[in-house]
């Protein structure tokens, strides 16, 4: 039989190994989602709010609408307007091919 110390050391090694495998994947996925959300939000800003001076992206669990990435337009006076909710996994911007008829 194996000693208690050996079993404890093996458990610690296994847990550290699992953490070493899972954490880099989570960090990589979060970084990719952040970059995608930034590019998508900049496209939405150019099309939907060209008068905005800046934009902001945030990951919100309990914000307006469903949880996920949000794209905010920032006006000259500092007010923020929610332009789009991009969901948990942001994708490319979906821009209509023709302008909407507002009449």
C-alpha atoms as a PDB file:
ATOM      1  CA  UNK A   1       0.000   0.000   0.000  1.00  0.00           C
ATOM      2  CA  UNK A   2       0.989   3.536  -0.577  1.00  0.00           C
ATOM      3  CA  UNK A   3       1.544   5.935   2.262  1.00  0.00           C
ATOM      4  CA  UNK A   4      -0.795   8.793   3.068  1.00  0.00           C
ATOM      5  CA  UNK A   5       1.871  11.328   2.193  1.00  0.00           C
ATOM      6  CA  UNK A   6       2.391   9.832  -1.274  1.00  0.00           C
ATOM      7  CA  UNK A   7      -1.346   9.848  -1.997  1.00  0.00           C
ATOM      8  CA  UNK A   8      -1.646  13.459  -0.807  1.00  0.00           C
ATOM      9  CA  UNK A   9       1.311  14.540  -2.986  1.00  0.00           C
ATOM     10  CA  UNK A  10      -0.207  12.761  -6.010  1.00  0.00           C
ATOM     11  CA  UNK A  11      -3.530  14.521  -5.466  1.00  0.00           C
ATOM     12  CA  UNK A  12      -1.803  17.899  -5.294  1.00  0.00           C
ATOM     13  CA  UNK A  13       0.141  17.138  -8.496  1.00  0.00           C
ATOM     14  CA  UNK A  14      -3.034  16.070 -10.323  1.00  0.00           C
ATOM     15  CA  UNK A  15      -4.953  19.183  -9.221  1.00  0.00           C
ATOM     16  CA  UNK A  16      -2.077  21.479 -10.230  1.00  0.00           C
ATOM     17  CA  UNK A  17      -1.844  19.676 -13.588  1.00  0.00           C
ATOM     18  CA  UNK A  18      -5.554  20.146 -14.239  1.00  0.00           C
ATOM     19  CA  UNK A  19      -5.345  23.809 -13.309  1.00  0.00           C
ATOM     20  CA  UNK A  20      -2.341  24.163 -15.621  1.00  0.00           C
ATOM     21  CA  UNK A  21      -4.368  22.733 -18.491  1.00  0.00           C
ATOM     22  CA  UNK A  22      -7.644  24.591 -17.931  1.00  0.00           C
ATOM     23  CA  UNK A  23      -6.556  28.128 -16.945  1.00  0.00           C
ATOM     24  CA  UNK A  24      -4.569  28.923 -20.139  1.00  0.00           C
ATOM     25  CA  UNK A  25      -7.579  27.901 -22.244  1.00  0.00           C
ATOM     26  CA  UNK A  26      -9.876  30.194 -20.280  1.00  0.00           C
ATOM     27  CA  UNK A  27      -7.421  33.109 -20.518  1.00  0.00           C
ATOM     28  CA  UNK A  28      -6.968  32.557 -24.269  1.00  0.00           C
ATOM     29  CA  UNK A  29     -10.728  32.387 -24.888  1.00  0.00           C
ATOM     30  CA  UNK A  30     -11.324  35.561 -22.860  1.00  0.00           C
ATOM     31  CA  UNK A  31      -8.614  37.427 -24.778  1.00  0.00           C
ATOM     32  CA  UNK A  32     -10.006  36.315 -28.135  1.00  0.00           C
ATOM     33  CA  UNK A  33     -13.539  37.314 -27.113  1.00  0.00           C
ATOM     34  CA  UNK A  34     -12.273  40.722 -25.966  1.00  0.00           C
ATOM     35  CA  UNK A  35     -10.479  41.359 -29.274  1.00  0.00           C
ATOM     36  CA  UNK A  36     -13.501  40.241 -31.295  1.00  0.00           C
ATOM     37  CA  UNK A  37     -15.848  42.413 -29.231  1.00  0.00           C
ATOM     38  CA  UNK A  38     -13.567  45.434 -29.727  1.00  0.00           C
ATOM     39  CA  UNK A  39     -13.452  45.007 -33.515  1.00  0.00           C
ATOM     40  CA  UNK A  40     -17.189  44.354 -33.741  1.00  0.00           C
ATOM     41  CA  UNK A  41     -18.055  47.355 -31.573  1.00  0.00           C
ATOM     42  CA  UNK A  42     -15.839  49.661 -33.644  1.00  0.00           C
ATOM     43  CA  UNK A  43     -17.723  48.530 -36.773  1.00  0.00           C
ATOM     44  CA  UNK A  44     -21.085  49.149 -35.099  1.00  0.00           C
ATOM     45  CA  UNK A  45     -19.930  52.601 -33.976  1.00  0.00           C
ATOM     46  CA  UNK A  46     -18.891  53.573 -37.509  1.00  0.00           C
ATOM     47  CA  UNK A  47     -22.263  52.498 -38.915  1.00  0.00           C
ATOM     48  CA  UNK A  48     -24.796  53.167 -36.158  1.00  0.00           C
ATOM     49  CA  UNK A  49     -23.285  56.134 -34.284  1.00  0.00           C
ATOM     50  CA  UNK A  50     -20.777  58.030 -36.448  1.00  0.00           C
ATOM     51  CA  UNK A  51     -21.205  61.106 -34.209  1.00  0.00           C
ATOM     52  CA  UNK A  52     -19.828  59.233 -31.164  1.00  0.00           C
ATOM     53  CA  UNK A  53     -16.398  60.305 -29.955  1.00  0.00           C
ATOM     54  CA  UNK A  54     -15.507  56.913 -28.521  1.00  0.00           C
ATOM     55  CA  UNK A  55     -16.852  53.513 -27.595  1.00  0.00           C
ATOM     56  CA  UNK A  56     -16.638  51.111 -24.702  1.00  0.00           C
ATOM     57  CA  UNK A  57     -17.064  47.363 -24.508  1.00  0.00           C
ATOM     58  CA  UNK A  58     -17.955  45.567 -21.305  1.00  0.00           C
ATOM     59  CA  UNK A  59     -18.709  42.041 -20.239  1.00  0.00           C
ATOM     60  CA  UNK A  60     -21.800  42.296 -18.061  1.00  0.00           C
ATOM     61  CA  UNK A  61     -23.577  39.449 -16.329  1.00  0.00           C
ATOM     62  CA  UNK A  62     -26.389  41.568 -14.885  1.00  0.00           C
ATOM     63  CA  UNK A  63     -26.728  44.516 -17.258  1.00  0.00           C
ATOM     64  CA  UNK A  64     -29.424  45.478 -19.726  1.00  0.00           C
ATOM     65  CA  UNK A  65     -30.726  42.484 -21.648  1.00  0.00           C
ATOM     66  CA  UNK A  66     -28.999  39.123 -21.609  1.00  0.00           C
ATOM     67  CA  UNK A  67     -25.563  38.507 -20.105  1.00  0.00           C
ATOM     68  CA  UNK A  68     -22.569  38.987 -22.370  1.00  0.00           C
ATOM     69  CA  UNK A  69     -20.528  41.632 -24.182  1.00  0.00           C
ATOM     70  CA  UNK A  70     -22.113  45.073 -24.569  1.00  0.00           C
ATOM     71  CA  UNK A  71     -21.135  47.847 -26.997  1.00  0.00           C
ATOM     72  CA  UNK A  72     -21.635  51.420 -25.753  1.00  0.00           C
ATOM     73  CA  UNK A  73     -21.286  54.618 -27.792  1.00  0.00           C
ATOM     74  CA  UNK A  74     -19.843  57.555 -25.865  1.00  0.00           C
ATOM     75  CA  UNK A  75     -21.040  61.010 -26.923  1.00  0.00           C
ATOM     76  CA  UNK A  76     -19.065  64.256 -26.655  1.00  0.00           C
ATOM     77  CA  UNK A  77     -20.796  65.149 -23.368  1.00  0.00           C
ATOM     78  CA  UNK A  78     -19.883  61.753 -21.863  1.00  0.00           C
ATOM     79  CA  UNK A  79     -23.272  60.049 -22.034  1.00  0.00           C
ATOM     80  CA  UNK A  80     -23.188  56.374 -22.893  1.00  0.00           C
ATOM     81  CA  UNK A  81     -25.724  54.687 -25.147  1.00  0.00           C
ATOM     82  CA  UNK A  82     -26.028  50.932 -25.470  1.00  0.00           C
ATOM     83  CA  UNK A  83     -25.759  50.131 -29.171  1.00  0.00           C
ATOM     84  CA  UNK A  84     -25.678  46.363 -29.251  1.00  0.00           C
ATOM     85  CA  UNK A  85     -25.593  43.381 -26.976  1.00  0.00           C
ATOM     86  CA  UNK A  86     -23.177  40.924 -28.570  1.00  0.00           C
ATOM     87  CA  UNK A  87     -23.874  37.866 -26.425  1.00  0.00           C
ATOM     88  CA  UNK A  88     -21.484  35.600 -24.541  1.00  0.00           C
ATOM     89  CA  UNK A  89     -19.369  34.822 -27.611  1.00  0.00           C
ATOM     90  CA  UNK A  90     -19.133  37.909 -29.830  1.00  0.00           C
ATOM     91  CA  UNK A  91     -19.075  37.397 -33.565  1.00  0.00           C
ATOM     92  CA  UNK A  92     -18.617  39.667 -36.561  1.00  0.00           C
ATOM     93  CA  UNK A  93     -20.779  42.745 -36.984  1.00  0.00           C
ATOM     94  CA  UNK A  94     -24.054  42.222 -38.850  1.00  0.00           C
ATOM     95  CA  UNK A  95     -24.724  45.389 -40.817  1.00  0.00           C
ATOM     96  CA  UNK A  96     -27.727  45.683 -43.162  1.00  0.00           C
ATOM     97  CA  UNK A  97     -26.831  45.967 -46.842  1.00  0.00           C
ATOM     98  CA  UNK A  98     -29.339  48.742 -47.493  1.00  0.00           C
ATOM     99  CA  UNK A  99     -30.491  51.555 -45.201  1.00  0.00           C
ATOM    100  CA  UNK A 100     -33.765  51.091 -43.373  1.00  0.00           C
ATOM    101  CA  UNK A 101     -36.775  52.974 -44.638  1.00  0.00           C
ATOM    102  CA  UNK A 102     -37.755  55.280 -41.773  1.00  0.00           C
ATOM    103  CA  UNK A 103     -40.804  56.834 -43.423  1.00  0.00           C
END
